[in-house]
Amino acid sequence: MCNFERFFEDDRLPLKSDEEIECFQQPTFSDFNKYQDEIIEKIVNRDKEKGIEGSGGLERTIAVEHSFMDF
């Protein structure tokens, strides 16, 4: 079974990226009922590590689509 949720939308997620393809794998969740929050937190923390906060940091030119796949 594969659930593919397109347009994973949240105000905390960036609208643009500095890379053409950017993805990660999350093998487990602390609480699956809050999986969206865990995914968003991982993306936000990844941007903080890159030095991208708000409108500062690296130039972002590529629109992103946030998706979730469950295998």
Protein backbone atom coordinates (compact mmCIF):
# COMPACT_ATOMS: atom_id res chain seq x y z
CA MET A 1 0.00 0.00 0.00
CA CYS A 2 1.34 3.42 -0.88
CA ASN A 3 -0.24 6.68 0.21
CA PHE A 4 1.03 9.67 -1.72
CA GLU A 5 -0.02 12.97 -0.25
CA ARG A 6 0.70 15.86 -2.60
CA PHE A 7 0.82 19.49 -1.63
CA PHE A 8 1.76 18.92 1.99
CA GLU A 9 0.99 22.51 3.02
CA ASP A 10 1.90 24.38 6.17
CA ASP A 11 2.95 27.97 6.84
CA ARG A 12 6.16 26.73 8.48
CA LEU A 13 7.37 25.08 5.25
CA PRO A 14 9.47 27.04 2.73
CA LEU A 15 7.94 27.92 -0.62
CA LYS A 16 11.29 27.98 -2.43
CA SER A 17 14.45 25.92 -2.33
CA ASP A 18 18.09 26.49 -3.17
CA GLU A 19 18.34 23.00 -4.71
CA GLU A 20 16.49 21.52 -7.69
CA ILE A 21 15.86 18.20 -5.89
CA GLU A 22 15.81 17.95 -2.12
CA CYS A 23 14.48 14.96 -0.20
CA PHE A 24 15.01 12.87 2.91
CA GLN A 25 13.83 9.59 4.42
CA GLN A 26 12.20 9.29 7.81
CA PRO A 27 12.22 5.57 8.74
CA THR A 28 10.19 5.96 11.96
CA PHE A 29 8.10 8.51 13.80
CA SER A 30 7.92 9.18 17.54
CA ASP A 31 4.14 9.55 17.27
CA PHE A 32 2.54 8.68 13.93
CA ASN A 33 -0.53 10.73 14.85
CA LYS A 34 1.74 13.78 14.63
CA TYR A 35 3.82 12.70 11.63
CA GLN A 36 3.19 15.99 9.80
CA ASP A 37 4.70 17.98 12.67
CA GLU A 38 7.75 15.70 12.76
CA ILE A 39 8.31 16.08 9.00
CA ILE A 40 7.89 19.87 9.18
CA GLU A 41 10.26 20.09 12.16
CA LYS A 42 12.91 18.10 10.25
CA ILE A 43 12.64 20.39 7.20
CA VAL A 44 12.77 23.56 9.33
CA ASN A 45 15.79 22.27 11.29
CA ARG A 46 17.56 21.31 8.04
CA ASP A 47 17.12 24.88 6.78
CA LYS A 48 18.45 26.30 10.06
CA GLU A 49 21.57 24.13 9.70
CA LYS A 50 22.07 25.50 6.17
CA GLY A 51 21.74 29.05 7.45
CA ILE A 52 18.38 29.66 5.78
CA GLU A 53 15.99 31.40 8.14
CA GLY A 54 13.08 33.46 6.91
CA SER A 55 14.11 35.58 3.94
CA GLY A 56 17.83 35.63 4.81
CA GLY A 57 20.50 33.08 3.97
CA LEU A 58 20.94 31.38 0.62
CA GLU A 59 19.03 32.55 -2.43
CA ARG A 60 15.99 30.39 -3.08
CA THR A 61 14.81 30.27 -6.65
CA ILE A 62 13.14 26.90 -7.17
CA ALA A 63 9.52 26.39 -6.16
CA VAL A 64 9.02 23.26 -4.07
CA GLU A 65 6.28 20.70 -3.70
CA HIS A 66 6.14 19.05 -0.30
CA SER A 67 5.02 15.45 -0.53
CA PHE A 68 4.76 12.43 1.73
CA MET A 69 5.00 8.79 0.65
CA ASP A 70 4.17 5.90 2.97
CA PHE A 71 5.28 2.39 1.97
